[in-house]
Protein backbone atom coordinates (compact mmCIF):
# COMPACT_ATOMS: atom_id res chain seq x y z
CA MET A 1 -22.23 30.38 23.76
CA VAL A 2 -23.73 31.62 20.44
CA ARG A 3 -20.14 32.82 19.49
CA TYR A 4 -18.83 29.54 20.51
CA LEU A 5 -21.46 27.53 18.70
CA ARG A 6 -20.94 29.62 15.30
CA ARG A 7 -17.40 29.11 15.40
CA THR A 8 -17.57 25.36 16.16
CA PHE A 9 -20.65 23.97 13.91
CA THR A 10 -21.16 24.32 10.40
CA ASP A 11 -24.54 26.38 9.46
CA GLY A 12 -26.26 23.01 8.63
CA GLU A 13 -25.55 21.44 12.00
CA PHE A 14 -26.56 24.72 13.98
CA ALA A 15 -29.84 24.84 12.04
CA ILE A 16 -30.22 21.08 12.77
CA MET A 17 -29.85 21.84 16.67
CA ALA A 18 -32.05 24.66 16.49
CA ARG A 19 -34.85 22.83 15.15
CA ALA A 20 -34.19 19.75 17.55
CA ASP A 21 -34.96 22.30 20.21
CA LEU A 22 -32.15 20.93 22.46
CA PRO A 23 -32.14 22.28 26.08
CA LEU A 24 -29.25 24.66 27.28
CA THR A 25 -28.03 22.15 30.00
CA GLY A 26 -28.47 18.45 31.07
CA PRO A 27 -27.21 15.26 29.68
CA SER A 28 -28.49 16.36 26.17
CA GLY A 29 -28.12 19.68 26.19
CA ILE A 30 -26.04 22.36 24.29
CA ARG A 31 -23.80 23.10 26.88
CA ARG A 32 -22.29 19.55 27.06
CA LEU A 33 -22.42 19.23 23.09
CA LEU A 34 -20.61 22.23 22.49
CA ALA A 35 -17.95 21.42 25.03
CA GLU A 36 -16.97 18.44 23.78
CA ARG A 37 -15.82 19.90 20.91
CA ASP A 38 -14.66 23.24 21.84
CA ILE A 39 -12.28 22.84 25.04
CA GLU A 40 -11.83 26.64 25.34
CA TYR A 41 -15.56 26.78 26.06
CA PHE A 42 -15.67 23.74 28.06
CA ALA A 43 -13.12 25.56 30.57
CA ARG A 44 -15.54 28.60 30.39
CA ALA A 45 -18.52 27.47 30.84
CA TYR A 46 -17.82 24.57 33.56
CA PHE A 47 -14.76 26.44 35.40
CA PRO A 48 -15.84 30.38 35.00
CA GLU A 49 -14.07 31.18 38.48
CA TYR A 50 -10.76 30.13 36.69
CA THR A 51 -11.58 31.94 33.49
CA GLU A 52 -13.16 35.10 34.28
CA LEU A 53 -10.47 37.11 32.14
CA ALA A 54 -10.49 37.11 28.21
CA THR A 55 -8.68 34.29 26.75
CA PRO A 56 -4.96 35.37 25.95
CA ASP A 57 -3.06 33.92 23.09
CA ILE A 58 -0.82 31.90 25.61
CA HIS A 59 -3.90 30.11 26.72
CA ARG A 60 -5.45 29.39 23.23
CA ARG A 61 -2.23 27.89 22.44
CA MET A 62 -2.29 25.63 25.45
CA ILE A 63 -5.83 24.84 24.29
CA GLY A 64 -5.18 24.09 20.73
CA GLN A 65 -2.34 21.59 21.97
CA ILE A 66 -4.81 19.80 24.24
CA GLU A 67 -7.36 19.86 21.24
CA ALA A 68 -4.78 18.35 19.15
CA CYS A 69 -4.06 15.36 21.54
CA ARG A 70 -7.92 14.85 21.74
CA ARG A 71 -8.30 14.55 17.79
CA ARG A 72 -5.10 12.22 17.41
CA ALA A 73 -6.66 9.89 20.37
CA LEU A 74 -9.98 9.75 18.68
CA GLY A 75 -8.38 9.17 15.37
CA ARG A 76 -5.75 6.75 16.63
CA ARG A 77 -3.10 8.59 15.20
CA PRO A 78 0.17 8.93 16.65
CA GLY A 79 0.25 11.15 19.67
CA LEU A 80 1.78 14.45 20.23
CA LYS A 81 5.19 14.84 22.37
CA LEU A 82 5.16 18.13 24.10
CA ALA A 83 7.88 19.69 26.15
CA MET A 84 6.60 22.99 27.58
CA ALA A 85 8.50 25.69 29.70
CA ILE A 86 5.46 28.14 30.80
CA PRO A 87 6.06 30.71 33.90
CA ARG A 88 4.67 30.31 36.90
CA GLY A 89 1.24 31.76 37.33
CA HIS A 90 0.21 31.27 33.65
CA ALA A 91 -2.43 28.66 34.25
CA LYS A 92 -0.31 26.07 32.85
CA SER A 93 -1.56 23.14 35.74
CA PHE A 94 -5.19 24.42 35.14
CA TYR A 95 -5.16 23.61 31.65
CA PHE A 96 -2.96 20.46 31.43
CA SER A 97 -3.50 18.95 34.83
CA MET A 98 -7.39 19.67 35.41
CA ILE A 99 -9.01 20.50 32.13
CA ALA A 100 -7.04 18.10 29.75
CA PRO A 101 -7.80 15.04 32.11
CA ILE A 102 -11.39 15.80 33.14
CA HIS A 103 -12.38 16.31 29.41
CA ALA A 104 -10.56 13.36 28.35
CA ALA A 105 -12.25 11.36 31.06
CA LEU A 106 -15.88 13.02 30.60
CA PHE A 107 -15.82 12.45 26.57
CA ASP A 108 -14.12 9.16 26.77
CA TRP A 109 -11.17 10.04 24.57
CA SER A 110 -8.59 8.67 27.30
CA PRO A 111 -9.46 5.46 28.47
CA LEU A 112 -6.27 5.86 30.71
CA THR A 113 -4.76 9.18 31.67
CA VAL A 114 -1.41 9.20 33.69
CA ILE A 115 -0.59 12.41 35.85
CA ILE A 116 2.92 12.86 37.04
CA GLY A 117 4.29 15.46 39.71
CA ASN A 118 7.53 15.87 41.28
CA THR A 119 6.53 13.69 44.25
CA GLN A 120 3.78 11.40 44.99
CA ALA A 121 1.97 14.17 47.20
CA ALA A 122 2.03 16.67 44.22
CA ALA A 123 0.82 14.20 41.74
CA GLU A 124 -2.06 13.51 44.33
CA ARG A 125 -2.93 16.99 44.89
CA LEU A 126 -3.42 17.41 41.13
CA LEU A 127 -5.66 14.52 41.16
CA GLY A 128 -7.52 15.89 44.24
CA ASN A 129 -8.50 18.85 42.39
CA ILE A 130 -9.84 16.81 39.61
CA ARG A 131 -11.74 14.84 42.39
CA GLN A 132 -13.13 17.83 44.03
CA GLU A 133 -14.55 19.55 40.82
CA ILE A 134 -16.37 15.76 39.89
CA GLU A 135 -17.66 15.90 43.44
CA SER A 136 -18.68 19.44 43.85
CA ASN A 137 -19.02 21.27 40.33
CA GLU A 138 -22.68 21.86 39.66
CA ALA A 139 -22.32 22.48 35.95
CA ILE A 140 -20.79 18.99 35.74
CA ILE A 141 -23.02 17.35 37.72
CA GLU A 142 -26.32 18.68 35.85
CA ASP A 143 -24.88 17.76 32.63
CA PHE A 144 -22.99 14.25 33.28
CA GLY A 145 -24.70 13.13 36.43
CA ASP A 146 -22.73 10.90 38.87
CA VAL A 147 -19.71 9.94 37.10
CA GLN A 148 -17.77 8.90 40.05
CA GLY A 149 -16.41 5.37 39.63
CA ASP A 150 -16.16 2.51 42.33
CA VAL A 151 -12.03 3.60 42.71
CA TRP A 152 -11.73 6.83 44.34
CA GLN A 153 -8.34 7.09 46.04
CA GLY A 154 -5.32 9.57 46.44
CA GLY A 155 -3.60 8.26 43.55
CA HIS A 156 -6.33 6.44 41.57
CA ALA A 157 -9.52 7.55 40.25
CA VAL A 158 -12.28 6.45 37.98
CA ILE A 159 -14.43 8.87 36.12
CA SER A 160 -17.24 8.13 33.76
CA GLY A 161 -15.66 4.56 33.66
CA ASN A 162 -12.17 6.26 32.36
CA VAL A 163 -8.86 5.75 34.58
CA ILE A 164 -6.71 8.64 36.02
CA ARG A 165 -3.61 7.65 37.80
CA ALA A 166 -1.15 9.72 39.72
CA PHE A 167 2.80 9.14 40.49
CA GLY A 168 5.55 10.90 41.76
CA THR A 169 8.91 11.61 40.00
CA GLY A 170 10.93 8.23 40.19
CA SER A 171 7.96 6.04 41.24
CA GLY A 172 8.77 2.43 40.38
CA ALA A 173 4.74 1.25 40.57
CA ILE A 174 4.39 3.36 37.36
CA ARG A 175 5.47 0.43 35.57
CA GLY A 176 2.60 -1.50 36.54
CA VAL A 177 0.10 0.84 35.20
CA SER A 178 -0.09 -0.29 31.33
CA SER A 179 -1.08 -3.66 30.29
CA PRO A 180 -1.65 -5.24 26.85
CA GLY A 181 -4.47 -3.68 25.14
CA GLN A 182 -4.84 -0.74 27.71
CA ARG A 183 -1.93 2.23 27.46
CA PRO A 184 -2.31 5.65 28.18
CA SER A 185 -3.65 7.88 25.63
CA LEU A 186 -2.43 10.89 27.74
CA ILE A 187 0.52 11.43 29.83
CA VAL A 188 0.76 14.53 31.97
CA ALA A 189 3.71 15.65 33.61
CA ASP A 190 3.51 18.79 35.66
CA ASP A 191 6.69 20.39 37.35
CA LEU A 192 9.15 17.46 37.57
CA ASP A 193 11.66 19.42 38.96
CA ASP A 194 12.77 20.90 42.52
CA ASP A 195 16.01 22.07 43.84
CA ASP A 196 17.14 19.09 45.40
CA LEU A 197 16.71 16.94 42.43
CA VAL A 198 18.61 19.35 39.94
CA ARG A 199 21.27 20.07 42.29
CA SER A 200 22.14 16.10 42.99
CA PRO A 201 23.69 14.60 39.96
CA THR A 202 22.52 11.25 41.38
CA GLN A 203 19.09 12.06 41.97
CA LEU A 204 18.96 13.81 38.28
CA ASP A 205 20.68 11.11 36.66
CA ALA A 206 18.23 8.63 38.21
CA ALA A 207 15.29 10.51 37.49
CA VAL A 208 16.50 10.87 33.54
CA ALA A 209 16.90 7.29 33.32
CA TRP A 210 13.62 6.58 35.04
CA TRP A 211 11.61 8.93 32.42
CA ASP A 212 13.62 7.59 29.54
CA LYS A 213 12.85 3.92 30.46
CA ALA A 214 10.07 3.84 32.56
CA VAL A 215 7.68 6.69 31.78
CA LEU A 216 8.28 6.52 27.87
CA GLY A 217 7.71 2.79 28.13
CA LEU A 218 4.33 3.19 29.33
CA GLY A 219 2.91 4.63 25.91
CA ASP A 220 1.45 2.54 22.94
CA GLN A 221 4.86 1.23 21.52
CA VAL A 222 2.83 -0.10 18.30
CA ALA A 223 0.84 2.73 16.83
CA HIS A 224 2.33 5.43 19.02
CA THR A 225 -0.86 6.75 19.80
CA THR A 226 0.07 8.10 23.42
CA SER A 227 0.56 11.96 23.79
CA TYR A 228 2.82 13.28 26.42
CA VAL A 229 2.37 16.89 27.63
CA VAL A 230 5.25 17.72 30.10
CA VAL A 231 4.87 21.48 31.36
CA GLY A 232 7.06 23.21 34.16
CA THR A 233 9.50 26.05 34.58
CA ILE A 234 13.47 25.63 33.89
CA ILE A 235 14.99 26.19 37.16
CA ARG A 236 18.40 25.27 36.02
CA ARG A 237 20.19 24.30 32.84
CA THR A 238 20.66 20.73 33.75
CA SER A 239 17.14 19.64 34.84
CA LEU A 240 14.91 16.69 34.11
CA LEU A 241 12.44 19.29 32.15
CA GLN A 242 15.69 20.59 30.16
CA HIS A 243 16.32 17.06 29.55
CA ILE A 244 13.06 16.53 27.85
CA ILE A 245 12.97 19.58 26.21
CA ASP A 246 16.24 18.61 24.66
CA SER A 247 15.02 15.24 23.49
CA PRO A 248 14.86 15.08 19.56
CA ASP A 249 11.39 13.37 19.48
CA PHE A 250 9.69 16.19 21.89
CA HIS A 251 8.39 19.25 20.06
CA ALA A 252 9.66 22.08 22.59
CA ILE A 253 8.01 25.51 23.74
CA VAL A 254 9.67 27.87 25.91
CA GLU A 255 7.92 30.75 26.68
CA ALA A 256 9.10 33.94 28.80
CA GLY A 257 6.69 35.95 31.16
CA VAL A 258 8.21 39.15 30.25
CA THR A 259 8.66 39.62 26.35
CA SER A 260 10.00 43.05 26.23
CA PHE A 261 11.29 44.89 29.01
CA ALA A 262 10.67 48.36 29.53
CA THR A 263 13.05 50.93 28.13
CA ASN A 264 13.38 53.25 31.29
CA SER A 265 15.35 51.04 33.50
CA GLN A 266 16.53 54.12 35.75
CA LEU A 267 12.94 54.79 36.54
CA TRP A 268 12.48 51.44 37.29
CA GLU A 269 15.43 51.76 39.76
CA SER A 270 13.80 54.69 41.16
CA TRP A 271 10.39 52.48 41.70
CA GLU A 272 12.50 49.91 43.43
CA ALA A 273 13.75 52.08 45.79
CA ALA A 274 10.47 53.53 46.64
CA TYR A 275 8.87 50.10 46.91
CA LEU A 276 11.48 48.88 49.04
CA ALA A 277 11.20 51.61 51.57
CA GLN A 278 7.38 51.42 51.82
CA ALA A 279 8.60 47.63 52.32
CA ARG A 280 10.76 48.23 55.39
CA ASP A 281 7.83 50.49 56.81
CA GLY A 282 5.73 47.57 56.61
CA ILE A 283 3.39 49.34 54.11
CA ALA A 284 4.62 47.55 50.79
CA PRO A 285 1.74 48.10 47.99
CA ALA A 286 -0.09 44.76 47.48
CA ARG A 287 -2.19 46.18 44.44
CA PRO A 288 -0.76 48.50 41.66
CA GLU A 289 -3.71 50.85 42.62
CA ASP A 290 -1.99 51.18 45.89
CA ASP A 291 1.39 52.06 44.68
CA SER A 292 1.73 55.95 44.31
CA PHE A 293 4.98 56.05 42.61
CA TYR A 294 3.79 53.73 40.05
CA ALA A 295 0.42 55.24 39.59
CA GLU A 296 2.29 58.70 39.27
CA HIS A 297 4.83 57.34 36.66
CA ARG A 298 2.69 54.70 35.20
CA GLU A 299 3.05 55.56 31.54
CA SER A 300 6.74 55.94 31.53
CA LEU A 301 7.30 52.73 33.48
CA LEU A 302 5.68 50.71 31.27
CA ALA A 303 7.09 52.05 27.64
CA GLY A 304 8.43 49.11 25.74
CA SER A 305 7.32 46.72 27.97
CA ALA A 306 5.08 43.58 27.02
CA CYS A 307 4.17 40.32 28.73
CA LEU A 308 3.43 36.79 27.71
CA TRP A 309 -0.36 37.25 29.56
CA PRO A 310 -1.30 40.61 28.97
CA ARG A 311 -3.41 41.15 32.23
CA ASP A 312 -3.96 44.58 33.45
CA ASP A 313 -0.73 45.92 34.96
CA ALA A 314 0.91 42.38 34.56
CA TYR A 315 4.33 43.83 34.11
CA TRP A 316 3.94 45.56 37.73
CA HIS A 317 3.07 42.21 39.38
CA LEU A 318 6.22 40.63 37.37
CA MET A 319 8.50 43.23 38.72
CA VAL A 320 7.04 42.96 42.20
CA TYR A 321 7.66 39.14 42.02
CA ARG A 322 11.38 40.00 40.62
CA LEU A 323 11.98 42.27 43.94
CA SER A 324 10.59 39.91 46.45
CA ARG A 325 11.61 36.65 45.10
CA GLY A 326 14.90 37.67 43.37
CA ARG A 327 16.54 37.69 40.39
CA ALA A 328 17.41 34.02 40.21
CA ALA A 329 13.85 33.10 40.93
CA PHE A 330 12.49 35.40 38.17
CA ALA A 331 15.01 34.23 35.61
CA SER A 332 14.18 30.88 36.17
CA GLU A 333 10.50 30.31 37.13
CA ILE A 334 9.14 33.60 35.04
CA GLN A 335 11.88 34.05 32.12
CA ASN A 336 12.40 30.15 31.98
CA ALA A 337 16.33 31.34 31.31
CA PRO A 338 18.12 30.36 34.41
CA GLY A 339 21.68 31.94 34.07
CA THR A 340 20.77 34.83 32.40
CA GLU A 341 21.53 38.73 32.94
CA ASP A 342 19.15 38.62 35.63
CA SER A 343 20.94 35.86 37.73
CA HIS A 344 21.39 36.14 41.38
CA LEU A 345 25.01 37.28 41.12
CA GLY A 346 24.17 40.19 38.45
CA THR A 347 25.31 40.49 34.84
CA VAL A 348 28.39 38.85 33.66
CA ARG A 349 30.66 41.24 32.47
CA ARG A 350 33.02 40.06 29.88
CA ILE A 351 36.65 41.25 28.46
CA SER A 352 38.10 40.56 25.40
CA ARG A 353 41.53 38.94 25.48
CA ALA A 354 42.93 41.96 23.41
CA GLU A 355 41.76 44.42 26.23
CA ILE A 356 43.59 41.94 29.01
CA ILE A 357 46.77 42.15 26.87
CA ALA A 358 46.56 46.00 26.29
CA LEU A 359 46.28 46.40 30.05
CA GLU A 360 48.91 44.07 30.81
CA LEU A 361 51.22 46.19 28.48
CA LYS A 362 49.99 49.25 29.96
CA LEU A 363 50.37 48.67 33.63
CA GLY A 364 53.09 46.24 33.78
CA PRO A 365 54.02 44.89 37.00
CA GLU A 366 51.39 47.02 38.91
CA LEU A 367 48.74 44.60 37.33
CA GLU A 368 48.62 41.69 39.99
CA LEU A 369 48.30 38.19 39.40
CA LEU A 370 46.33 36.34 41.89
CA GLY A 371 45.58 32.60 42.31
CA SER A 372 42.82 30.49 44.52
CA LEU A 373 42.44 26.95 44.49
CA ASP A 374 39.35 25.13 46.07
CA PRO A 375 40.48 21.55 45.92
CA THR A 376 38.85 17.98 46.51
CA THR A 377 39.96 14.91 47.88
CA LYS A 378 38.33 12.37 45.52
CA GLY A 379 37.62 12.56 41.56
CA GLY A 380 34.66 10.71 39.92
CA LYS A 381 31.38 12.05 38.63
CA ASN A 382 29.55 12.23 41.89
CA ASN A 383 32.08 14.57 43.55
CA ASP A 384 32.86 18.12 43.55
CA LEU A 385 34.96 20.02 41.25
CA SER A 386 38.53 20.65 42.25
CA ALA A 387 38.68 24.50 40.94
CA PHE A 388 41.76 26.69 40.36
CA VAL A 389 41.00 30.39 39.08
CA GLU A 390 43.25 33.07 38.42
CA CYS A 391 42.66 36.75 38.27
CA LEU A 392 44.41 40.08 37.35
CA PHE A 393 43.93 42.88 39.65
CA ASP A 394 44.08 46.64 38.74
CA PRO A 395 44.42 48.56 41.91
CA ASN A 396 43.91 51.83 40.13
CA THR A 397 40.18 51.09 38.92
CA LYS A 398 39.85 48.20 41.65
CA THR A 399 38.70 45.99 38.89
CA LEU A 400 39.30 41.92 39.45
CA ILE A 401 39.71 40.16 36.16
CA VAL A 402 39.07 36.61 35.83
CA ASP A 403 41.69 35.48 33.81
CA TYR A 404 41.77 31.56 34.04
CA CYS A 405 39.73 28.72 35.11
CA ASP A 406 40.40 25.04 35.52
CA ALA A 407 37.64 23.13 37.22
CA ARG A 408 37.50 19.05 36.60
CA GLN A 409 36.44 16.46 38.81
CA ARG A 410 39.72 14.98 40.01
CA ASN A 411 42.02 13.50 42.99
CA TYR A 412 44.24 15.68 45.03
CA ASN A 413 47.30 14.16 43.12
CA ALA A 414 45.92 15.02 39.97
CA THR A 415 44.99 18.69 41.12
CA VAL A 416 48.61 19.37 42.39
CA ARG A 417 50.23 18.04 39.13
CA ASP A 418 47.94 20.36 37.10
CA VAL A 419 48.12 23.53 39.43
CA THR A 420 51.90 23.07 39.50
CA ARG A 421 52.02 23.01 35.59
CA ARG A 422 49.94 25.98 35.11
CA VAL A 423 51.87 28.15 37.76
CA ILE A 424 55.33 27.36 36.30
CA SER A 425 53.98 27.76 32.44
CA ARG A 426 52.60 31.05 33.45
CA GLY A 427 56.43 32.21 34.50
CA LYS A 428 55.34 34.91 36.61
CA GLN A 429 55.65 35.42 40.69
CA TYR A 430 52.01 35.62 42.10
CA ASP A 431 51.24 38.67 44.31
CA GLY A 432 48.85 36.29 46.40
CA PHE A 433 48.00 32.35 46.16
CA TRP A 434 45.51 30.93 48.34
CA CYS A 435 44.42 27.20 48.94
CA GLU A 436 41.17 26.57 50.97
CA ASP A 437 42.16 24.34 53.50
CA ASN A 438 39.38 22.12 53.83
CA VAL A 439 41.65 19.35 52.36
CA ALA A 440 44.79 20.03 54.43
CA ILE A 441 47.12 17.76 52.80
CA VAL A 442 46.75 19.48 49.31
CA SER A 443 48.08 22.67 50.27
CA ASP A 444 51.00 20.99 51.65
CA LEU A 445 51.70 18.72 48.66
CA LEU A 446 51.08 21.82 46.35
CA GLN A 447 53.85 23.86 48.00
CA GLU A 448 56.22 21.19 48.29
CA SER A 449 55.30 20.34 44.23
CA LEU A 450 56.02 24.24 43.34
CA ALA A 451 59.39 24.21 45.20
CA LYS A 452 60.59 20.96 43.39
CA ALA A 453 59.64 22.61 40.16
CA GLY A 454 61.52 25.62 41.00
CA SER A 455 58.58 27.92 41.88
CA PHE A 456 58.83 30.82 44.79
CA VAL A 457 55.10 30.83 44.97
CA VAL A 458 54.03 30.93 48.42
CA VAL A 459 50.61 28.75 49.16
CA SER A 460 48.73 30.48 51.78
CA LYS A 461 46.02 28.36 53.85
CA VAL A 462 42.59 29.65 54.18
CA HIS A 463 40.06 28.26 56.42
CA ASN A 464 36.91 29.79 55.47
CA THR A 465 34.49 30.38 58.68
CA THR A 466 31.74 31.94 56.65
CA ASN A 467 28.78 30.17 55.40
CA LYS A 468 29.61 29.07 51.48
CA GLN A 469 26.72 30.87 50.06
CA GLN A 470 26.96 34.04 51.77
CA ARG A 471 30.39 33.93 50.92
CA ILE A 472 29.58 33.72 47.04
CA GLU A 473 26.84 36.23 47.44
CA SER A 474 29.25 38.85 48.25
CA LEU A 475 30.48 38.45 44.79
CA ALA A 476 27.33 40.41 43.95
CA GLU A 477 28.33 43.42 45.35
CA TYR A 478 31.42 43.62 43.15
CA THR A 479 29.44 42.73 40.17
CA ASP A 480 27.10 45.72 40.50
CA ARG A 481 29.79 48.03 40.92
CA ARG A 482 31.47 46.66 37.71
CA GLN A 483 34.72 45.97 39.68
CA LEU A 484 34.58 42.12 38.19
CA ARG A 485 35.07 40.95 34.81
CA PHE A 486 35.12 37.71 33.05
CA ALA A 487 37.78 36.72 29.98
CA ASP A 488 35.64 36.17 27.05
CA ASP A 489 37.83 32.89 26.29
CA LEU A 490 37.54 31.36 29.83
CA ASP A 491 36.09 28.04 30.49
CA ASP A 492 32.26 27.91 30.27
CA THR A 493 32.28 26.10 33.63
CA ILE A 494 32.69 29.10 35.87
CA ILE A 495 30.19 31.11 34.08
CA ARG A 496 27.73 28.49 34.15
CA ALA A 497 28.37 28.08 38.02
CA TYR A 498 28.35 32.19 38.07
CA GLU A 499 24.97 32.34 36.19
CA GLU A 500 23.30 29.24 37.90
CA PHE A 501 24.10 30.09 41.35
CA PRO A 502 22.36 29.10 43.66
CA HIS A 503 20.82 26.41 41.81
CA GLY A 504 23.87 25.24 40.05
CA ARG A 505 24.95 21.83 40.06
CA PHE A 506 28.68 22.89 40.94
CA ASP A 507 29.51 26.49 42.70
CA ASP A 508 33.14 25.34 43.55
CA PRO A 509 34.78 27.56 40.70
CA ILE A 510 32.82 30.87 42.08
CA ASP A 511 33.67 29.84 45.91
CA ALA A 512 37.23 29.83 44.79
CA LEU A 513 36.89 33.14 43.22
CA ALA A 514 34.86 34.28 46.38
CA THR A 515 37.64 33.30 48.62
CA MET A 516 40.16 35.17 46.58
CA VAL A 517 38.01 38.60 46.81
CA LEU A 518 37.87 37.97 50.48
CA LYS A 519 41.38 37.44 50.96
CA LEU A 520 42.35 40.46 48.48
CA LYS A 521 39.79 42.61 50.52
CA GLU A 522 41.59 41.60 53.87
CA ARG A 523 45.03 42.12 52.53
CA LEU A 524 44.80 45.50 50.39
CA ASN A 525 41.43 46.98 51.86
CA LEU A 526 41.00 48.26 48.29
CA ILE A 527 37.86 46.33 46.82
């Protein structure tokens, strides 16, 4: 306590407090007085079970943001607009969805606080955590007494005369919260996205419109004193959190759980093999001290590594998370970088156009040209993409090069027209050309259109019976063997689909690619 007193109060104030002989606890105690001014101390004094470890820099930065919201609210100055992508397991909900609202209510700097979750149930759980502390936290009860108000419901609570409301994403009821003369001083939005939301363009568009109109409209529109704090993880490049991060009036902070990866990647691959072997035997280590391989090679394994929250063996825990949850989940939920080299399908490996031309000159007709079409019936912004992909196959190295992609929302007539033009402009015979038979009329119309245009390409109908996700996931095998390359001048649609799988909005281009790989394997038995 003395350390926090020294950094919070001047020597004069400290001397006055000493002469006044204030008690340590109780309504007029030093603990309450200090906690009002120092939110880090508030968290450690009243919530010791959550703050046993030393406060890392990332938590100090979070606390600093809450302090800034408090000072602005008390000074009636314009509030902050913060959008923060913080890795899972880094206490963002503790600080922003519990510490900030409780401090704001107990110390009267937010007469109205709004908490927003992904669903109404999620928002009410956050408010339920607050209510539980108010009801059972002995330190709070000792220093503040009974602060429970007349309203104590799932989505509505009154604490020390101040209101806290909870709403789910898209809630229409949120519009009735504000009234003239009473606008929220603090709005906290915690983990707004889920897989269903980010994969549905209709739901995402509705959520964005709701945020821009309903939520941003809640704040003080005159003096702009409302502070918005949005926290979560970026589970997809197109998401509600990403929209808010990209908003010019929000200050964006994006943090990665691993700030520097260990340099000895081969040793970590050996660790993974050892860990998985134990997992198959049902004895996977739950703690680093139980991991014999890690204990033996700890210093070498950790060389070059650094973590956002540098707890003991933090890197080990994060690598276990990546191994158990998968690289896609790790990239989005820990690194806040969906679609990076740690994607579900592995690393996107590029090849330059100059290298492709050199390969074509070297191999000539030996280099096979392949085409694959995943068509749609209708166009329109709410439908899938009609995707046509071309690849070059080198039978010597068994390498497949994705050379061309045309993926757009269009009806089957436009698809037939565009693919026909591409085939004719290519001026080469295809060694394999497949069309998924999900829209039977397309393959027939395309064959007819190609014949009329003077092409001898034979369109082979494909009726896929395997699950789409399993079909696409098979690409990872060829990626890991470095047998799949992408031209560096490709349309970015297929790259995004590849990197964001399985959380991406569209997977049609990589589904077309997966069909090609499947048929090539069946036909040539080479890959």
